Amino acid sequence: MWELIVIAVGLAMDAFAVSICKGLSTEKATLGRALIAGAYFGGFQAVMPVAGYFLGVGFQEYIEKIDHWIAFALLVLIGISMLWESRKKEDEMTASFGFAAMLPLAVSTSIDALAVGVTFAIEGTNIWIAAAAIGIITFLLSALGIKVGNVFGAKYKAKAEIFGGVVLILMGIKILLEHLDILPA
């Protein structure tokens, strides 16, 4: 369960960082705006690993011999991508919390959760518990991100993305070391 929470927090860091930016773009961080951000980001972060899981289950018989390498590669690549994103300059963000503004943000921040869902299939993780944990943690951090962004600004955006990237890379390395019998499972 501890590993699942760590993965969920790592996956939520993109959504948290975007929520901070959304908080920056709004004059007032209302409860309604925090709930909207939490629902979009948490909802997509919960659905995407389920989709990835069923993709992974569908191809499991073909990839069983290299599944640990796939899980390792996916997590490390996602982590590196998050580290790379943390170095980019700030983009302007619209203050809108409407469907047209929130949907692309929610989809783009949850693509990594799709890939993690594939690794959950490979690892035999209970997808329903994992999806619920990821969704709830992302919901809470995204709602909090609206307030943090509104109060503190973009100061912590890059640090949140770096943290998330490092967590996912370390989890990928751990999976590989366990399958190579270097670490006990």
N, C-alpha and C. Protein backbone atom coordinates (compact mmCIF):
# COMPACT_ATOMS: atom_id res chain seq x y z
N MET A 1 0.83 -1.20 0.00
CA MET A 1 0.00 0.00 0.00
C MET A 1 0.87 1.27 0.00
N TRP A 2 1.99 1.21 0.73
CA TRP A 2 2.89 2.36 0.79
C TRP A 2 3.40 2.70 -0.60
N GLU A 3 3.80 1.68 -1.37
CA GLU A 3 4.30 1.91 -2.73
C GLU A 3 3.22 2.55 -3.60
N LEU A 4 2.00 2.10 -3.44
CA LEU A 4 0.89 2.64 -4.22
C LEU A 4 0.68 4.12 -3.91
N ILE A 5 0.76 4.49 -2.65
CA ILE A 5 0.61 5.89 -2.26
C ILE A 5 1.74 6.73 -2.84
N VAL A 6 2.95 6.20 -2.80
CA VAL A 6 4.10 6.93 -3.35
C VAL A 6 3.92 7.13 -4.86
N ILE A 7 3.49 6.09 -5.57
CA ILE A 7 3.24 6.21 -7.01
C ILE A 7 2.13 7.21 -7.26
N ALA A 8 1.06 7.15 -6.47
CA ALA A 8 -0.07 8.07 -6.65
C ALA A 8 0.38 9.52 -6.46
N VAL A 9 1.19 9.78 -5.45
CA VAL A 9 1.69 11.13 -5.22
C VAL A 9 2.58 11.56 -6.39
N GLY A 10 3.44 10.66 -6.85
CA GLY A 10 4.30 10.97 -7.99
C GLY A 10 3.50 11.31 -9.23
N LEU A 11 2.45 10.52 -9.51
CA LEU A 11 1.60 10.79 -10.66
C LEU A 11 0.82 12.09 -10.50
N ALA A 12 0.47 12.43 -9.29
CA ALA A 12 -0.33 13.63 -9.04
C ALA A 12 0.48 14.92 -9.17
N MET A 13 1.78 14.84 -9.21
CA MET A 13 2.61 16.04 -9.22
C MET A 13 2.39 16.92 -10.47
N ASP A 14 2.17 16.30 -11.63
CA ASP A 14 1.86 17.10 -12.83
C ASP A 14 0.58 17.89 -12.62
N ALA A 15 -0.45 17.19 -12.15
CA ALA A 15 -1.74 17.85 -11.92
C ALA A 15 -1.62 18.92 -10.83
N PHE A 16 -0.85 18.64 -9.81
CA PHE A 16 -0.61 19.61 -8.74
C PHE A 16 0.07 20.86 -9.29
N ALA A 17 1.09 20.65 -10.12
CA ALA A 17 1.82 21.78 -10.71
C ALA A 17 0.91 22.61 -11.61
N VAL A 18 0.07 21.94 -12.42
CA VAL A 18 -0.86 22.67 -13.29
C VAL A 18 -1.90 23.39 -12.44
N SER A 19 -2.34 22.78 -11.36
CA SER A 19 -3.30 23.44 -10.46
C SER A 19 -2.70 24.68 -9.82
N ILE A 20 -1.43 24.61 -9.49
CA ILE A 20 -0.76 25.80 -8.96
C ILE A 20 -0.83 26.93 -10.00
N CYS A 21 -0.56 26.58 -11.25
CA CYS A 21 -0.63 27.59 -12.32
C CYS A 21 -2.05 28.11 -12.50
N LYS A 22 -3.02 27.22 -12.39
CA LYS A 22 -4.42 27.67 -12.48
C LYS A 22 -4.74 28.60 -11.31
N GLY A 23 -4.23 28.30 -10.14
CA GLY A 23 -4.42 29.17 -8.99
C GLY A 23 -3.79 30.53 -9.19
N LEU A 24 -2.65 30.54 -9.87
CA LEU A 24 -2.00 31.81 -10.21
C LEU A 24 -2.85 32.65 -11.14
N SER A 25 -3.54 31.99 -12.06
CA SER A 25 -4.27 32.69 -13.11
C SER A 25 -5.62 33.25 -12.65
N THR A 26 -6.06 32.86 -11.49
CA THR A 26 -7.36 33.31 -11.01
C THR A 26 -7.21 34.34 -9.89
N GLU A 27 -8.10 35.30 -9.89
CA GLU A 27 -8.02 36.33 -8.85
C GLU A 27 -8.36 35.78 -7.48
N LYS A 28 -9.34 34.87 -7.43
CA LYS A 28 -9.77 34.32 -6.15
C LYS A 28 -9.87 32.80 -6.24
N ALA A 29 -9.21 32.12 -5.35
CA ALA A 29 -9.24 30.66 -5.31
C ALA A 29 -10.44 30.22 -4.47
N THR A 30 -11.56 30.01 -5.14
CA THR A 30 -12.78 29.61 -4.43
C THR A 30 -12.82 28.10 -4.24
N LEU A 31 -13.66 27.65 -3.33
CA LEU A 31 -13.85 26.23 -3.10
C LEU A 31 -14.36 25.57 -4.38
N GLY A 32 -15.25 26.24 -5.09
CA GLY A 32 -15.79 25.69 -6.33
C GLY A 32 -14.71 25.45 -7.37
N ARG A 33 -13.79 26.38 -7.52
CA ARG A 33 -12.70 26.21 -8.48
C ARG A 33 -11.76 25.09 -8.05
N ALA A 34 -11.51 24.99 -6.76
CA ALA A 34 -10.67 23.91 -6.26
C ALA A 34 -11.33 22.56 -6.51
N LEU A 35 -12.64 22.46 -6.32
CA LEU A 35 -13.35 21.21 -6.56
C LEU A 35 -13.39 20.86 -8.04
N ILE A 36 -13.54 21.87 -8.89
CA ILE A 36 -13.52 21.62 -10.34
C ILE A 36 -12.17 21.06 -10.76
N ALA A 37 -11.09 21.70 -10.32
CA ALA A 37 -9.75 21.21 -10.66
C ALA A 37 -9.54 19.80 -10.12
N GLY A 38 -9.93 19.58 -8.88
CA GLY A 38 -9.79 18.25 -8.28
C GLY A 38 -10.57 17.19 -9.03
N ALA A 39 -11.79 17.53 -9.45
CA ALA A 39 -12.62 16.56 -10.17
C ALA A 39 -12.04 16.23 -11.54
N TYR A 40 -11.62 17.23 -12.27
CA TYR A 40 -11.03 16.96 -13.59
C TYR A 40 -9.75 16.14 -13.47
N PHE A 41 -8.81 16.65 -12.69
CA PHE A 41 -7.52 15.98 -12.60
C PHE A 41 -7.63 14.63 -11.90
N GLY A 42 -8.34 14.57 -10.79
CA GLY A 42 -8.50 13.31 -10.06
C GLY A 42 -9.28 12.29 -10.87
N GLY A 43 -10.32 12.74 -11.57
CA GLY A 43 -11.12 11.83 -12.38
C GLY A 43 -10.31 11.20 -13.50
N PHE A 44 -9.57 12.02 -14.24
CA PHE A 44 -8.77 11.47 -15.33
C PHE A 44 -7.63 10.62 -14.81
N GLN A 45 -7.04 11.02 -13.69
CA GLN A 45 -5.94 10.21 -13.12
C GLN A 45 -6.46 8.87 -12.62
N ALA A 46 -7.74 8.76 -12.28
CA ALA A 46 -8.31 7.49 -11.85
C ALA A 46 -8.69 6.61 -13.04
N VAL A 47 -9.18 7.21 -14.11
CA VAL A 47 -9.65 6.46 -15.28
C VAL A 47 -8.49 5.94 -16.12
N MET A 48 -7.48 6.74 -16.31
CA MET A 48 -6.39 6.36 -17.22
C MET A 48 -5.62 5.10 -16.79
N PRO A 49 -5.31 4.88 -15.51
CA PRO A 49 -4.63 3.63 -15.18
C PRO A 49 -5.50 2.40 -15.43
N VAL A 50 -6.82 2.57 -15.29
CA VAL A 50 -7.73 1.45 -15.57
C VAL A 50 -7.63 1.09 -17.06
N ALA A 51 -7.65 2.11 -17.92
CA ALA A 51 -7.51 1.87 -19.36
C ALA A 51 -6.16 1.21 -19.66
N GLY A 52 -5.09 1.72 -19.07
CA GLY A 52 -3.77 1.14 -19.27
C GLY A 52 -3.68 -0.29 -18.75
N TYR A 53 -4.34 -0.55 -17.63
CA TYR A 53 -4.36 -1.89 -17.05
C TYR A 53 -4.96 -2.89 -18.02
N PHE A 54 -6.11 -2.54 -18.58
CA PHE A 54 -6.77 -3.48 -19.49
C PHE A 54 -6.01 -3.64 -20.80
N LEU A 55 -5.30 -2.62 -21.23
CA LEU A 55 -4.40 -2.76 -22.37
C LEU A 55 -3.28 -3.74 -22.02
N GLY A 56 -2.72 -3.57 -20.83
CA GLY A 56 -1.64 -4.45 -20.38
C GLY A 56 -2.08 -5.89 -20.22
N VAL A 57 -3.27 -6.11 -19.68
CA VAL A 57 -3.80 -7.47 -19.52
C VAL A 57 -4.01 -8.12 -20.88
N GLY A 58 -4.48 -7.33 -21.84
CA GLY A 58 -4.72 -7.86 -23.18
C GLY A 58 -3.45 -8.35 -23.87
N PHE A 59 -2.32 -7.75 -23.55
CA PHE A 59 -1.06 -8.11 -24.19
C PHE A 59 -0.12 -8.87 -23.28
N GLN A 60 -0.59 -9.24 -22.10
CA GLN A 60 0.28 -9.83 -21.09
C GLN A 60 0.95 -11.12 -21.55
N GLU A 61 0.23 -11.98 -22.24
CA GLU A 61 0.82 -13.25 -22.65
C GLU A 61 1.99 -13.05 -23.62
N TYR A 62 1.98 -11.93 -24.34
CA TYR A 62 3.04 -11.66 -25.30
C TYR A 62 4.26 -11.00 -24.66
N ILE A 63 4.08 -10.41 -23.50
CA ILE A 63 5.16 -9.61 -22.92
C ILE A 63 5.66 -10.13 -21.57
N GLU A 64 5.19 -11.31 -21.14
CA GLU A 64 5.54 -11.81 -19.81
C GLU A 64 7.05 -11.91 -19.57
N LYS A 65 7.80 -12.30 -20.57
CA LYS A 65 9.24 -12.49 -20.38
C LYS A 65 10.01 -11.19 -20.24
N ILE A 66 9.43 -10.09 -20.72
CA ILE A 66 10.12 -8.80 -20.65
C ILE A 66 9.31 -7.76 -19.88
N ASP A 67 8.30 -8.21 -19.15
CA ASP A 67 7.39 -7.27 -18.49
C ASP A 67 8.10 -6.34 -17.51
N HIS A 68 9.08 -6.84 -16.77
CA HIS A 68 9.78 -5.98 -15.82
C HIS A 68 10.59 -4.90 -16.53
N TRP A 69 11.12 -5.22 -17.72
CA TRP A 69 11.84 -4.22 -18.50
C TRP A 69 10.89 -3.15 -19.01
N ILE A 70 9.69 -3.56 -19.41
CA ILE A 70 8.68 -2.61 -19.89
C ILE A 70 8.26 -1.68 -18.76
N ALA A 71 7.97 -2.26 -17.59
CA ALA A 71 7.57 -1.44 -16.44
C ALA A 71 8.68 -0.46 -16.08
N PHE A 72 9.91 -0.96 -16.04
CA PHE A 72 11.07 -0.11 -15.75
C PHE A 72 11.17 1.02 -16.76
N ALA A 73 11.11 0.70 -18.04
CA ALA A 73 11.27 1.71 -19.10
C ALA A 73 10.15 2.75 -19.04
N LEU A 74 8.91 2.30 -18.86
CA LEU A 74 7.80 3.25 -18.81
C LEU A 74 7.94 4.23 -17.64
N LEU A 75 8.21 3.69 -16.46
CA LEU A 75 8.31 4.57 -15.28
C LEU A 75 9.51 5.52 -15.39
N VAL A 76 10.63 5.02 -15.87
CA VAL A 76 11.81 5.88 -16.00
C VAL A 76 11.57 6.96 -17.06
N LEU A 77 10.99 6.58 -18.19
CA LEU A 77 10.72 7.57 -19.24
C LEU A 77 9.74 8.64 -18.77
N ILE A 78 8.71 8.23 -18.07
CA ILE A 78 7.75 9.20 -17.53
C ILE A 78 8.45 10.12 -16.53
N GLY A 79 9.27 9.53 -15.66
CA GLY A 79 10.01 10.32 -14.68
C GLY A 79 10.95 11.31 -15.33
N ILE A 80 11.67 10.87 -16.36
CA ILE A 80 12.58 11.77 -17.08
C ILE A 80 11.79 12.89 -17.74
N SER A 81 10.65 12.54 -18.32
CA SER A 81 9.79 13.56 -18.95
C SER A 81 9.36 14.61 -17.94
N MET A 82 9.00 14.17 -16.73
CA MET A 82 8.60 15.13 -15.69
C MET A 82 9.78 16.01 -15.29
N LEU A 83 10.98 15.42 -15.18
CA LEU A 83 12.16 16.21 -14.86
C LEU A 83 12.43 17.24 -15.95
N TRP A 84 12.27 16.84 -17.20
CA TRP A 84 12.47 17.75 -18.34
C TRP A 84 11.45 18.89 -18.29
N GLU A 85 10.20 18.56 -18.02
CA GLU A 85 9.14 19.57 -17.94
C GLU A 85 9.42 20.58 -16.83
N SER A 86 10.06 20.14 -15.76
CA SER A 86 10.33 21.03 -14.63
C SER A 86 11.31 22.14 -15.01
N ARG A 87 12.05 21.95 -16.08
CA ARG A 87 13.06 22.93 -16.49
C ARG A 87 12.53 23.95 -17.48
N LYS A 88 11.33 23.74 -18.00
CA LYS A 88 10.77 24.65 -19.01
C LYS A 88 10.29 25.94 -18.37
N LYS A 89 10.27 26.97 -19.17
CA LYS A 89 9.75 28.26 -18.73
C LYS A 89 8.24 28.16 -18.56
N GLU A 90 7.70 29.03 -17.74
CA GLU A 90 6.27 29.07 -17.49
C GLU A 90 5.48 29.45 -18.73
N ASP A 91 4.42 28.74 -18.99
CA ASP A 91 3.49 29.10 -20.06
C ASP A 91 2.38 29.93 -19.46
N GLU A 92 1.79 30.78 -20.29
CA GLU A 92 0.61 31.51 -19.84
C GLU A 92 -0.55 30.54 -19.70
N MET A 93 -1.32 30.70 -18.67
CA MET A 93 -2.45 29.82 -18.44
C MET A 93 -3.71 30.65 -18.34
N THR A 94 -4.75 30.14 -18.97
CA THR A 94 -6.02 30.83 -18.94
C THR A 94 -6.67 30.71 -17.57
N ALA A 95 -7.44 31.70 -17.19
CA ALA A 95 -8.10 31.69 -15.89
C ALA A 95 -9.40 30.88 -15.92
N SER A 96 -9.79 30.39 -17.07
CA SER A 96 -11.05 29.66 -17.22
C SER A 96 -10.99 28.29 -16.54
N PHE A 97 -12.09 27.92 -15.93
CA PHE A 97 -12.25 26.59 -15.35
C PHE A 97 -13.32 25.81 -16.10
N GLY A 98 -13.64 26.26 -17.31
CA GLY A 98 -14.65 25.60 -18.14
C GLY A 98 -14.11 24.34 -18.79
N PHE A 99 -15.02 23.60 -19.41
CA PHE A 99 -14.71 22.32 -20.04
C PHE A 99 -13.58 22.45 -21.06
N ALA A 100 -13.64 23.45 -21.93
CA ALA A 100 -12.65 23.62 -23.00
C ALA A 100 -11.25 23.91 -22.44
N ALA A 101 -11.18 24.54 -21.30
CA ALA A 101 -9.88 24.83 -20.69
C ALA A 101 -9.36 23.65 -19.85
N MET A 102 -10.25 22.98 -19.15
CA MET A 102 -9.84 21.94 -18.21
C MET A 102 -9.59 20.58 -18.86
N LEU A 103 -10.37 20.23 -19.88
CA LEU A 103 -10.24 18.91 -20.49
C LEU A 103 -8.83 18.65 -21.04
N PRO A 104 -8.27 19.54 -21.86
CA PRO A 104 -6.91 19.26 -22.36
C PRO A 104 -5.88 19.16 -21.24
N LEU A 105 -6.04 19.97 -20.21
CA LEU A 105 -5.10 19.90 -19.08
C LEU A 105 -5.21 18.56 -18.36
N ALA A 106 -6.44 18.12 -18.14
CA ALA A 106 -6.66 16.85 -17.43
C ALA A 106 -6.13 15.67 -18.24
N VAL A 107 -6.36 15.69 -19.54
CA VAL A 107 -5.87 14.60 -20.39
C VAL A 107 -4.34 14.60 -20.42
N SER A 108 -3.75 15.76 -20.64
CA SER A 108 -2.30 15.82 -20.77
C SER A 108 -1.57 15.45 -19.48
N THR A 109 -2.16 15.75 -18.34
CA THR A 109 -1.50 15.41 -17.07
C THR A 109 -1.75 13.97 -16.66
N SER A 110 -2.63 13.26 -17.36
CA SER A 110 -2.93 11.88 -16.96
C SER A 110 -2.41 10.83 -17.94
N ILE A 111 -1.74 11.23 -19.00
CA ILE A 111 -1.18 10.26 -19.94
C ILE A 111 -0.21 9.33 -19.24
N ASP A 112 0.59 9.86 -18.33
CA ASP A 112 1.53 9.01 -17.61
C ASP A 112 0.81 7.96 -16.77
N ALA A 113 -0.39 8.27 -16.28
CA ALA A 113 -1.16 7.31 -15.51
C ALA A 113 -1.61 6.13 -16.39
N LEU A 114 -1.83 6.38 -17.67
CA LEU A 114 -2.16 5.30 -18.61
C LEU A 114 -1.00 4.31 -18.68
N ALA A 115 0.20 4.82 -18.83
CA ALA A 115 1.38 3.96 -18.89
C ALA A 115 1.59 3.21 -17.58
N VAL A 116 1.36 3.87 -16.45
CA VAL A 116 1.49 3.22 -15.15
C VAL A 116 0.45 2.11 -15.01
N GLY A 117 -0.73 2.31 -15.58
CA GLY A 117 -1.75 1.26 -15.58
C GLY A 117 -1.26 -0.01 -16.25
N VAL A 118 -0.48 0.14 -17.32
CA VAL A 118 0.12 -1.02 -17.99
C VAL A 118 1.05 -1.74 -17.02
N THR A 119 1.84 -0.98 -16.29
CA THR A 119 2.75 -1.62 -15.32
C THR A 119 1.97 -2.28 -14.20
N PHE A 120 0.83 -1.73 -13.82
CA PHE A 120 0.00 -2.38 -12.80
C PHE A 120 -0.49 -3.74 -13.29
N ALA A 121 -0.83 -3.85 -14.57
CA ALA A 121 -1.25 -5.14 -15.13
C ALA A 121 -0.10 -6.13 -15.07
N ILE A 122 1.09 -5.66 -15.41
CA ILE A 122 2.27 -6.51 -15.41
C ILE A 122 2.58 -6.99 -13.99
N GLU A 123 2.44 -6.10 -13.03
CA GLU A 123 2.77 -6.41 -11.63
C GLU A 123 1.64 -7.13 -10.89
N GLY A 124 0.45 -7.20 -11.49
CA GLY A 124 -0.68 -7.86 -10.84
C GLY A 124 -1.32 -7.03 -9.74
N THR A 125 -1.21 -5.72 -9.85
CA THR A 125 -1.78 -4.81 -8.85
C THR A 125 -3.29 -4.79 -8.95
N ASN A 126 -3.98 -4.68 -7.83
CA ASN A 126 -5.44 -4.52 -7.85
C ASN A 126 -5.75 -3.14 -8.42
N ILE A 127 -6.25 -3.13 -9.65
CA ILE A 127 -6.43 -1.87 -10.36
C ILE A 127 -7.47 -0.97 -9.72
N TRP A 128 -8.48 -1.54 -9.11
CA TRP A 128 -9.56 -0.72 -8.54
C TRP A 128 -9.07 0.05 -7.31
N ILE A 129 -8.28 -0.61 -6.49
CA ILE A 129 -7.70 0.08 -5.33
C ILE A 129 -6.69 1.12 -5.81
N ALA A 130 -5.86 0.74 -6.78
CA ALA A 130 -4.85 1.66 -7.31
C ALA A 130 -5.51 2.89 -7.94
N ALA A 131 -6.53 2.68 -8.77
CA ALA A 131 -7.21 3.80 -9.43
C ALA A 131 -7.87 4.72 -8.41
N ALA A 132 -8.49 4.13 -7.40
CA ALA A 132 -9.13 4.95 -6.35
C ALA A 132 -8.08 5.77 -5.60
N ALA A 133 -6.98 5.14 -5.23
CA ALA A 133 -5.92 5.86 -4.50
C ALA A 133 -5.36 7.00 -5.35
N ILE A 134 -5.06 6.71 -6.61
CA ILE A 134 -4.51 7.74 -7.51
C ILE A 134 -5.51 8.87 -7.69
N GLY A 135 -6.77 8.53 -7.92
CA GLY A 135 -7.80 9.55 -8.12
C GLY A 135 -8.00 10.43 -6.90
N ILE A 136 -8.08 9.82 -5.73
CA ILE A 136 -8.31 10.57 -4.49
C ILE A 136 -7.12 11.47 -4.17
N ILE A 137 -5.92 10.92 -4.26
CA ILE A 137 -4.73 11.72 -3.95
C ILE A 137 -4.59 12.87 -4.94
N THR A 138 -4.84 12.60 -6.23
CA THR A 138 -4.75 13.66 -7.23
C THR A 138 -5.83 14.70 -7.00
N PHE A 139 -7.03 14.27 -6.67
CA PHE A 139 -8.13 15.21 -6.37
C PHE A 139 -7.70 16.16 -5.26
N LEU A 140 -7.21 15.60 -4.16
CA LEU A 140 -6.84 16.42 -3.00
C LEU A 140 -5.68 17.37 -3.31
N LEU A 141 -4.65 16.85 -3.98
CA LEU A 141 -3.51 17.70 -4.29
C LEU A 141 -3.85 18.77 -5.33
N SER A 142 -4.73 18.45 -6.27
CA SER A 142 -5.13 19.43 -7.27
C SER A 142 -5.96 20.55 -6.65
N ALA A 143 -6.88 20.17 -5.79
CA ALA A 143 -7.69 21.18 -5.10
C ALA A 143 -6.78 22.07 -4.25
N LEU A 144 -5.84 21.44 -3.56
CA LEU A 144 -4.87 22.20 -2.76
C LEU A 144 -4.01 23.09 -3.64
N GLY A 145 -3.64 22.59 -4.83
CA GLY A 145 -2.80 23.35 -5.75
C GLY A 145 -3.41 24.67 -6.17
N ILE A 146 -4.74 24.70 -6.31
CA ILE A 146 -5.42 25.96 -6.66
C ILE A 146 -5.15 27.01 -5.59
N LYS A 147 -5.29 26.61 -4.35
CA LYS A 147 -5.05 27.54 -3.23
C LYS A 147 -3.57 27.91 -3.12
N VAL A 148 -2.70 26.91 -3.24
CA VAL A 148 -1.26 27.17 -3.14
C VAL A 148 -0.83 28.14 -4.24
N GLY A 149 -1.28 27.90 -5.45
CA GLY A 149 -0.93 28.79 -6.56
C GLY A 149 -1.43 30.19 -6.36
N ASN A 150 -2.62 30.30 -5.83
CA ASN A 150 -3.20 31.61 -5.60
C ASN A 150 -2.47 32.37 -4.50
N VAL A 151 -1.96 31.64 -3.52
CA VAL A 151 -1.29 32.28 -2.38
C VAL A 151 0.21 32.46 -2.63
N PHE A 152 0.87 31.41 -3.09
CA PHE A 152 2.33 31.42 -3.16
C PHE A 152 2.91 31.63 -4.55
N GLY A 153 2.12 31.47 -5.58
CA GLY A 153 2.63 31.64 -6.94
C GLY A 153 3.32 30.41 -7.48
N ALA A 154 4.09 30.58 -8.52
CA ALA A 154 4.70 29.47 -9.25
C ALA A 154 6.01 29.00 -8.64
N LYS A 155 6.33 29.47 -7.46
CA LYS A 155 7.61 29.17 -6.83
C LYS A 155 7.90 27.67 -6.71
N TYR A 156 6.86 26.85 -6.45
CA TYR A 156 7.07 25.44 -6.18
C TYR A 156 6.69 24.51 -7.33
N LYS A 157 6.28 25.04 -8.47
CA LYS A 157 5.85 24.22 -9.60
C LYS A 157 6.96 23.27 -10.05
N ALA A 158 8.13 23.79 -10.30
CA ALA A 158 9.24 22.97 -10.79
C ALA A 158 9.63 21.92 -9.75
N LYS A 159 9.64 22.30 -8.48
CA LYS A 159 10.01 21.36 -7.42
C LYS A 159 9.02 20.20 -7.35
N ALA A 160 7.74 20.48 -7.54
CA ALA A 160 6.72 19.42 -7.53
C ALA A 160 6.95 18.45 -8.68
N GLU A 161 7.27 18.96 -9.86
CA GLU A 161 7.51 18.10 -11.01
C GLU A 161 8.79 17.29 -10.83
N ILE A 162 9.82 17.89 -10.25
CA ILE A 162 11.06 17.16 -9.99
C ILE A 162 10.81 16.03 -9.01
N PHE A 163 10.08 16.30 -7.95
CA PHE A 163 9.75 15.27 -6.96
C PHE A 163 9.02 14.11 -7.61
N GLY A 164 7.99 14.41 -8.40
CA GLY A 164 7.22 13.37 -9.06
C GLY A 164 8.08 12.54 -10.01
N GLY A 165 8.94 13.20 -10.77
CA GLY A 165 9.81 12.50 -11.70
C GLY A 165 10.77 11.57 -11.00
N VAL A 166 11.38 12.04 -9.93
CA VAL A 166 12.33 11.22 -9.18
C VAL A 166 11.64 10.00 -8.57
N VAL A 167 10.44 10.20 -8.03
CA VAL A 167 9.69 9.09 -7.43
C VAL A 167 9.42 8.01 -8.48
N LEU A 168 8.96 8.40 -9.65
CA LEU A 168 8.64 7.40 -10.68
C LEU A 168 9.89 6.68 -11.17
N ILE A 169 11.01 7.39 -11.33
CA ILE A 169 12.25 6.74 -11.74
C ILE A 169 12.69 5.73 -10.68
N LEU A 170 12.63 6.11 -9.42
CA LEU A 170 13.03 5.19 -8.35
C LEU A 170 12.12 3.97 -8.30
N MET A 171 10.83 4.14 -8.52
CA MET A 171 9.91 2.99 -8.53
C MET A 171 10.24 2.06 -9.71
N GLY A 172 10.57 2.62 -10.86
CA GLY A 172 10.95 1.81 -12.01
C GLY A 172 12.21 1.00 -11.72
N ILE A 173 13.20 1.63 -11.12
CA ILE A 173 14.43 0.94 -10.76
C ILE A 173 14.16 -0.17 -9.75
N LYS A 174 13.30 0.10 -8.79
CA LYS A 174 12.94 -0.89 -7.78
C LYS A 174 12.30 -2.12 -8.42
N ILE A 175 11.37 -1.90 -9.36
CA ILE A 175 10.71 -3.02 -10.05
C ILE A 175 11.75 -3.86 -10.78
N LEU A 176 12.66 -3.21 -11.48
CA LEU A 176 13.69 -3.94 -12.23
C LEU A 176 14.59 -4.73 -11.28
N LEU A 177 15.04 -4.12 -10.21
CA LEU A 177 15.92 -4.80 -9.25
C LEU A 177 15.23 -5.98 -8.58
N GLU A 178 13.92 -5.86 -8.31
CA GLU A 178 13.18 -6.97 -7.74
C GLU A 178 13.09 -8.14 -8.73
N HIS A 179 12.84 -7.87 -9.99
CA HIS A 179 12.73 -8.93 -10.99
C HIS A 179 14.07 -9.56 -11.33
N LEU A 180 15.14 -8.83 -11.11
CA LEU A 180 16.48 -9.40 -11.33
C LEU A 180 17.00 -10.07 -10.06
N ASP A 181 16.15 -10.14 -9.03
CA ASP A 181 16.47 -10.73 -7.73
C ASP A 181 17.63 -10.05 -7.02
N ILE A 182 17.82 -8.76 -7.28
CA ILE A 182 18.83 -7.98 -6.57
C ILE A 182 18.23 -7.45 -5.28
N LEU A 183 16.94 -7.12 -5.33
CA LEU A 183 16.18 -6.69 -4.14
C LEU A 183 15.11 -7.75 -3.87
N PRO A 184 14.79 -8.00 -2.59
CA PRO A 184 13.68 -8.92 -2.30
C PRO A 184 12.36 -8.27 -2.67
N ALA A 185 11.44 -9.06 -3.20
CA ALA A 185 10.13 -8.54 -3.63
C ALA A 185 9.24 -8.23 -2.45
